[in-house]
Amino acid sequence: MHYLDFETSIADLDAAIETLQADLSEGRREAIDAEIERLNKQKQRQLKSMYSGLTAWRKCQVARHPDRPHCSNYIDNLFTEVTALAGDRGYSEDQAVRSVLARFRDRPVIVIGHEKGRDTRSRLHHNFGMARPEGYRKATRLMKLADRFGLPLITLVDTPGAYPGLGAEQRGQAEAIARTIEASIRVRIPIVSVIVGEGGSGGAVAFATADRTAMLEHSVYSVISPEGCASILWKDAGMMQLAADALRLTAQDMKRLGVIDRILPEPLGGAQRDHKQSIETVGNAIAEMLEETSGMSRKQLVKARRRKFTDMFAA
């Protein structure tokens, strides 16, 4: 387990529990088990207290936690008959965006999501979840494909933002994102989105423009990262905690502002501590959101989606 800087007391408790579990003294087994139970209860109390009052900056840290379930974890566990869909048919395949044709609870769907990678090698391979123009053009192509065959679209958002490199800008990064958002508004199919970690900048908006949008309890969604905001406003990235508060980027803020439709509870201590429960929660939410749009015609879907976002901008 990777521990965040505010979880040092939890790390100490886990270390103590691990030491006791390694003690094989038969004569002390009953006392050891009782002490382990006491420490586990103390750990649960501390996690509950700690995670019930997280600041905006600490939520950013949890949303970026390297042990949280990633796009691939959700795809591998929630979907069956998975077939990869690759390439933008213009430049290349973008490994930061995973896209598949699959079945969700026996219903054919297309899934598009950001993949950050788990270790150093895979993170480099997936460019830390930062998509290039070809990733967004691939997404646009698949949105139109889903529209052609009447397949619901599910998006999983987890990115610090679109890749800001020179090559990406030369290949039209802003235009590619804008085209994806345009396609999200125009396609005549149900679109449901879940922000499972970090929803950063236009790179996240391109995938979160949906009929129904949910956020995991400790995920974040913002026009810019706290570090970027602090660098622009105060010329000091160290002011990131103040920037995080000002940006109102938590799931609770987004729900209050009407940007998202629902907040999904996470296991005690964050999604990183119980992948199975987190994945199950997201799967149930996807099913519920798809059900909410099931009775709408194609024309009604587009009309309601347009109204949702025009009302948001007018507020």
Protein backbone atom coordinates (compact mmCIF):
# COMPACT_ATOMS: atom_id res chain seq x y z
CA MET A 1 0.00 0.00 0.00
CA HIS A 2 1.22 3.48 -0.91
CA TYR A 3 0.47 5.86 1.97
CA LEU A 4 -0.32 9.54 1.44
CA ASP A 5 1.46 12.16 3.53
CA PHE A 6 -1.51 12.56 5.88
CA GLU A 7 -1.81 8.79 6.45
CA THR A 8 1.33 8.28 8.55
CA SER A 9 -0.67 7.12 11.58
CA ILE A 10 -2.42 4.51 9.41
CA ALA A 11 0.94 3.34 8.09
CA ASP A 12 2.20 2.91 11.66
CA LEU A 13 -0.88 0.88 12.62
CA ASP A 14 -0.53 -1.34 9.54
CA ALA A 15 3.14 -1.92 10.36
CA ALA A 16 2.24 -2.92 13.92
CA ILE A 17 -0.49 -5.28 12.69
CA GLU A 18 1.89 -6.86 10.16
CA THR A 19 4.52 -7.42 12.86
CA LEU A 20 1.97 -9.13 15.11
CA GLN A 21 0.70 -11.30 12.25
CA ALA A 22 4.24 -12.50 11.65
CA ASP A 23 4.58 -13.64 15.26
CA LEU A 24 4.14 -17.41 15.25
CA SER A 25 4.35 -17.92 19.02
CA GLU A 26 1.66 -20.50 19.79
CA GLY A 27 1.49 -19.67 23.47
CA ARG A 28 0.72 -16.02 22.73
CA ARG A 29 -1.73 -16.59 19.88
CA GLU A 30 -4.85 -15.52 21.79
CA ALA A 31 -3.24 -12.32 23.10
CA ILE A 32 -1.82 -11.51 19.65
CA ASP A 33 -5.21 -11.98 17.96
CA ALA A 34 -6.85 -9.71 20.56
CA GLU A 35 -4.21 -7.02 19.98
CA ILE A 36 -4.61 -7.26 16.19
CA GLU A 37 -8.37 -6.85 16.58
CA ARG A 38 -7.86 -3.79 18.79
CA LEU A 39 -5.44 -2.20 16.31
CA ASN A 40 -7.79 -2.90 13.39
CA LYS A 41 -10.65 -1.18 15.19
CA GLN A 42 -8.38 1.77 15.96
CA LYS A 43 -7.38 1.91 12.30
CA GLN A 44 -11.02 1.92 11.16
CA ARG A 45 -11.84 4.77 13.56
CA GLN A 46 -8.90 6.82 12.31
CA LEU A 47 -9.75 6.21 8.64
CA LYS A 48 -13.37 7.22 9.26
CA SER A 49 -12.33 10.42 11.01
CA MET A 50 -9.63 11.20 8.45
CA TYR A 51 -11.69 10.62 5.31
CA SER A 52 -14.89 12.26 6.55
CA GLY A 53 -13.17 15.66 6.65
CA LEU A 54 -10.78 15.68 3.71
CA THR A 55 -9.77 19.10 2.38
CA ALA A 56 -9.97 19.79 -1.35
CA TRP A 57 -6.20 19.30 -1.70
CA ARG A 58 -6.28 15.99 0.14
CA LYS A 59 -9.08 14.83 -2.14
CA CYS A 60 -6.78 15.66 -5.06
CA GLN A 61 -4.14 13.44 -3.48
CA VAL A 62 -6.62 10.59 -3.02
CA ALA A 63 -7.94 10.99 -6.59
CA ARG A 64 -4.35 10.63 -7.87
CA HIS A 65 -3.52 7.69 -5.60
CA PRO A 66 -1.47 5.18 -7.64
CA ASP A 67 -3.34 2.22 -6.13
CA ARG A 68 -6.85 3.35 -7.17
CA PRO A 69 -8.66 1.18 -9.73
CA HIS A 70 -7.89 2.39 -13.23
CA CYS A 71 -9.83 2.25 -16.47
CA SER A 72 -8.45 -1.20 -17.31
CA ASN A 73 -9.56 -2.57 -13.93
CA TYR A 74 -13.13 -1.45 -14.59
CA ILE A 75 -13.15 -2.76 -18.15
CA ASP A 76 -11.66 -6.12 -17.19
CA ASN A 77 -14.14 -6.68 -14.35
CA LEU A 78 -17.40 -5.08 -15.54
CA PHE A 79 -17.48 -6.02 -19.21
CA THR A 80 -17.48 -9.26 -21.20
CA GLU A 81 -16.70 -10.18 -24.82
CA VAL A 82 -14.22 -7.29 -24.88
CA THR A 83 -12.78 -6.37 -28.28
CA ALA A 84 -10.20 -3.58 -28.51
CA LEU A 85 -10.91 -0.71 -30.92
CA ALA A 86 -7.76 1.17 -31.93
CA GLY A 87 -6.56 4.07 -34.03
CA ASP A 88 -7.89 7.39 -35.24
CA ARG A 89 -7.61 6.39 -38.94
CA GLY A 90 -5.48 9.47 -39.51
CA TYR A 91 -2.26 9.40 -37.50
CA SER A 92 -1.81 6.64 -34.91
CA GLU A 93 -3.09 4.76 -31.89
CA ASP A 94 -3.03 6.63 -28.56
CA GLN A 95 -2.30 4.33 -25.63
CA ALA A 96 -3.58 6.92 -23.14
CA VAL A 97 -7.13 6.19 -24.32
CA ARG A 98 -8.45 2.66 -24.03
CA SER A 99 -11.51 1.91 -26.15
CA VAL A 100 -13.41 -1.35 -26.55
CA LEU A 101 -16.55 -2.92 -27.95
CA ALA A 102 -18.02 -5.09 -25.22
CA ARG A 103 -21.10 -6.33 -23.41
CA PHE A 104 -22.28 -4.75 -20.17
CA ARG A 105 -24.68 -7.05 -18.36
CA ASP A 106 -25.49 -8.68 -21.69
CA ARG A 107 -25.99 -5.34 -23.48
CA PRO A 108 -23.60 -4.35 -26.32
CA VAL A 109 -21.82 -1.07 -25.60
CA ILE A 110 -18.74 0.94 -26.53
CA VAL A 111 -16.43 1.96 -23.69
CA ILE A 112 -13.84 4.76 -23.86
CA GLY A 113 -11.59 5.71 -20.96
CA HIS A 114 -8.30 7.24 -19.90
CA GLU A 115 -5.67 4.74 -18.78
CA LYS A 116 -2.82 6.04 -16.59
CA GLY A 117 -0.84 2.83 -16.11
CA ARG A 118 0.19 1.15 -12.87
CA ASP A 119 4.02 1.09 -12.72
CA THR A 120 6.74 3.23 -14.29
CA ARG A 121 6.88 1.25 -17.51
CA SER A 122 3.11 1.16 -18.06
CA ARG A 123 2.72 4.82 -17.08
CA LEU A 124 5.22 5.81 -19.75
CA HIS A 125 3.45 3.52 -22.22
CA HIS A 126 0.09 5.16 -21.47
CA ASN A 127 1.60 8.66 -21.17
CA PHE A 128 0.22 8.98 -17.62
CA GLY A 129 -3.33 9.12 -18.99
CA MET A 130 -2.68 12.32 -20.95
CA ALA A 131 -4.25 11.88 -24.37
CA ARG A 132 -2.83 13.34 -27.57
CA PRO A 133 -4.98 14.60 -30.50
CA GLU A 134 -5.13 11.10 -31.99
CA GLY A 135 -6.70 9.86 -28.75
CA TYR A 136 -9.52 12.37 -29.00
CA ARG A 137 -9.93 11.75 -32.73
CA LYS A 138 -10.20 8.04 -31.98
CA ALA A 139 -12.87 8.83 -29.39
CA THR A 140 -14.76 10.98 -31.91
CA ARG A 141 -14.60 8.19 -34.49
CA LEU A 142 -15.97 5.66 -32.01
CA MET A 143 -18.75 7.98 -30.85
CA LYS A 144 -19.92 8.18 -34.45
CA LEU A 145 -19.57 4.40 -34.78
CA ALA A 146 -21.71 3.92 -31.67
CA ASP A 147 -24.28 6.32 -33.12
CA ARG A 148 -24.39 4.42 -36.39
CA PHE A 149 -25.18 1.11 -34.66
CA GLY A 150 -27.24 2.51 -31.79
CA LEU A 151 -24.85 1.38 -29.07
CA PRO A 152 -24.77 3.12 -25.67
CA LEU A 153 -21.47 4.84 -24.88
CA ILE A 154 -19.78 4.54 -21.48
CA THR A 155 -16.81 6.78 -20.63
CA LEU A 156 -14.39 6.45 -17.71
CA VAL A 157 -12.53 9.66 -16.88
CA ASP A 158 -9.15 9.66 -15.14
CA THR A 159 -6.66 12.16 -16.53
CA PRO A 160 -4.61 15.13 -15.30
CA GLY A 161 -5.48 16.74 -18.65
CA ALA A 162 -4.72 16.50 -22.34
CA TYR A 163 -1.03 16.16 -23.23
CA PRO A 164 0.49 19.68 -23.61
CA GLY A 165 3.55 18.67 -25.68
CA LEU A 166 4.74 20.46 -28.83
CA GLY A 167 3.79 17.61 -31.14
CA ALA A 168 0.27 17.46 -29.72
CA GLU A 169 -0.18 21.19 -30.26
CA GLN A 170 1.16 20.93 -33.81
CA ARG A 171 -1.37 18.20 -34.58
CA GLY A 172 -4.31 20.29 -33.32
CA GLN A 173 -4.89 19.31 -29.70
CA ALA A 174 -7.51 22.00 -28.98
CA GLU A 175 -9.40 21.31 -32.21
CA ALA A 176 -9.42 17.55 -31.52
CA ILE A 177 -10.87 18.06 -28.03
CA ALA A 178 -13.48 20.48 -29.37
CA ARG A 179 -14.53 17.96 -32.04
CA THR A 180 -14.94 15.27 -29.39
CA ILE A 181 -17.13 17.54 -27.26
CA GLU A 182 -19.15 18.40 -30.39
CA ALA A 183 -19.62 14.71 -31.16
CA SER A 184 -20.68 14.08 -27.56
CA ILE A 185 -23.47 16.62 -27.96
CA ARG A 186 -24.59 15.45 -31.41
CA VAL A 187 -24.64 11.63 -31.22
CA ARG A 188 -28.12 10.14 -30.76
CA ILE A 189 -27.25 7.45 -28.24
CA PRO A 190 -27.23 7.25 -24.44
CA ILE A 191 -23.92 8.47 -22.98
CA VAL A 192 -23.02 7.85 -19.35
CA SER A 193 -19.77 8.96 -17.77
CA VAL A 194 -18.01 8.19 -14.49
CA ILE A 195 -15.10 10.26 -13.18
CA VAL A 196 -13.18 7.57 -11.32
CA GLY A 197 -10.11 9.57 -10.31
CA GLU A 198 -8.81 12.83 -11.68
CA GLY A 199 -10.90 14.86 -14.12
CA GLY A 200 -8.52 17.48 -15.41
CA SER A 201 -9.21 20.32 -17.86
CA GLY A 202 -10.73 19.98 -21.35
CA GLY A 203 -9.14 16.56 -21.61
CA ALA A 204 -11.71 15.36 -19.08
CA VAL A 205 -14.62 17.46 -20.37
CA ALA A 206 -14.31 15.76 -23.77
CA PHE A 207 -15.26 12.42 -22.18
CA ALA A 208 -17.59 13.72 -19.45
CA THR A 209 -20.05 15.49 -21.76
CA ALA A 210 -22.82 12.97 -21.19
CA ASP A 211 -26.51 12.44 -20.46
CA ARG A 212 -25.59 11.28 -16.96
CA THR A 213 -22.31 11.97 -15.16
CA ALA A 214 -21.22 10.47 -11.85
CA MET A 215 -18.15 10.97 -9.69
CA LEU A 216 -16.59 8.72 -7.12
CA GLU A 217 -16.72 10.34 -3.70
CA HIS A 218 -13.03 11.30 -3.54
CA SER A 219 -12.48 12.10 -7.22
CA VAL A 220 -11.98 15.64 -8.53
CA TYR A 221 -13.08 17.57 -11.64
CA SER A 222 -11.62 20.92 -12.59
CA VAL A 223 -10.74 23.23 -15.46
CA ILE A 224 -7.09 23.22 -14.32
CA SER A 225 -4.93 21.41 -11.77
CA PRO A 226 -4.33 23.16 -8.43
CA GLU A 227 -0.61 23.37 -9.24
CA GLY A 228 -1.29 24.99 -12.61
CA CYS A 229 -3.79 27.42 -11.10
CA ALA A 230 -1.33 28.41 -8.34
CA SER A 231 1.46 28.94 -10.88
CA ILE A 232 -0.73 31.29 -12.94
CA LEU A 233 -2.33 33.27 -10.10
CA TRP A 234 0.50 33.47 -7.58
CA LYS A 235 3.56 32.39 -9.65
CA ASP A 236 4.06 29.74 -7.00
CA ALA A 237 2.97 26.11 -7.39
CA GLY A 238 3.38 25.77 -3.63
CA MET A 239 0.09 27.61 -3.21
CA MET A 240 -1.70 24.56 -4.60
CA GLN A 241 -3.69 23.91 -1.42
CA LEU A 242 -5.24 27.38 -1.55
CA ALA A 243 -5.89 26.93 -5.27
CA ALA A 244 -7.62 23.60 -4.67
CA ASP A 245 -10.04 25.26 -2.22
CA ALA A 246 -10.74 28.11 -4.66
CA LEU A 247 -11.37 25.82 -7.64
CA ARG A 248 -14.25 23.97 -5.96
CA LEU A 249 -13.23 20.75 -7.64
CA THR A 250 -14.55 18.06 -5.31
CA ALA A 251 -17.43 15.73 -6.16
CA GLN A 252 -19.50 17.47 -3.49
CA ASP A 253 -18.85 20.88 -5.11
CA MET A 254 -19.69 19.53 -8.57
CA LYS A 255 -22.98 18.06 -7.37
CA ARG A 256 -23.92 21.30 -5.60
CA LEU A 257 -23.13 23.31 -8.76
CA GLY A 258 -25.17 20.95 -10.93
CA VAL A 259 -22.19 19.82 -13.05
CA ILE A 260 -22.66 16.14 -12.20
CA ASP A 261 -25.72 14.05 -11.43
CA ARG A 262 -24.61 11.75 -8.62
CA ILE A 263 -21.82 10.97 -6.17
CA LEU A 264 -20.76 7.36 -5.73
CA PRO A 265 -19.61 6.28 -2.25
CA GLU A 266 -16.13 4.85 -1.87
CA PRO A 267 -14.95 2.20 0.60
CA LEU A 268 -13.63 3.50 3.91
CA GLY A 269 -10.20 4.99 3.21
CA GLY A 270 -10.79 5.43 -0.52
CA ALA A 271 -11.28 3.25 -3.60
CA GLN A 272 -7.63 2.16 -3.42
CA ARG A 273 -8.37 0.08 -0.31
CA ASP A 274 -11.07 -2.10 -1.85
CA HIS A 275 -11.03 -2.49 -5.62
CA LYS A 276 -13.82 -5.07 -5.69
CA GLN A 277 -16.30 -2.87 -3.84
CA SER A 278 -15.39 0.23 -5.87
CA ILE A 279 -15.76 -1.57 -9.18
CA GLU A 280 -19.11 -3.01 -8.10
CA THR A 281 -20.34 0.47 -7.09
CA VAL A 282 -19.35 1.92 -10.47
CA GLY A 283 -20.98 -0.97 -12.33
CA ASN A 284 -24.28 -0.53 -10.47
CA ALA A 285 -24.22 3.23 -11.14
CA ILE A 286 -23.62 2.67 -14.86
CA ALA A 287 -26.56 0.26 -14.99
CA GLU A 288 -28.83 2.76 -13.19
CA MET A 289 -27.80 5.66 -15.43
CA LEU A 290 -28.37 3.61 -18.58
CA GLU A 291 -31.78 2.60 -17.27
CA GLU A 292 -32.68 6.28 -16.73
CA THR A 293 -32.14 6.98 -20.44
CA SER A 294 -33.68 3.75 -21.76
CA GLY A 295 -37.13 5.15 -22.44
CA MET A 296 -35.94 8.16 -24.44
CA SER A 297 -35.95 8.36 -28.22
CA ARG A 298 -32.82 9.41 -30.10
CA LYS A 299 -34.25 12.86 -30.67
CA GLN A 300 -35.18 13.24 -27.01
CA LEU A 301 -31.69 12.20 -25.91
CA VAL A 302 -29.98 14.89 -27.97
CA LYS A 303 -32.50 17.56 -26.98
CA ALA A 304 -32.18 16.77 -23.27
CA ARG A 305 -28.37 16.66 -23.45
CA ARG A 306 -28.20 20.03 -25.20
CA ARG A 307 -30.57 21.55 -22.66
CA LYS A 308 -28.54 20.12 -19.79
CA PHE A 309 -25.37 21.88 -20.88
CA THR A 310 -26.92 25.13 -22.10
CA ASP A 311 -28.69 25.45 -18.74
CA MET A 312 -25.39 24.76 -17.00
CA PHE A 313 -23.60 27.51 -18.91
CA ALA A 314 -26.47 29.95 -18.35
CA ALA A 315 -26.52 29.39 -14.57
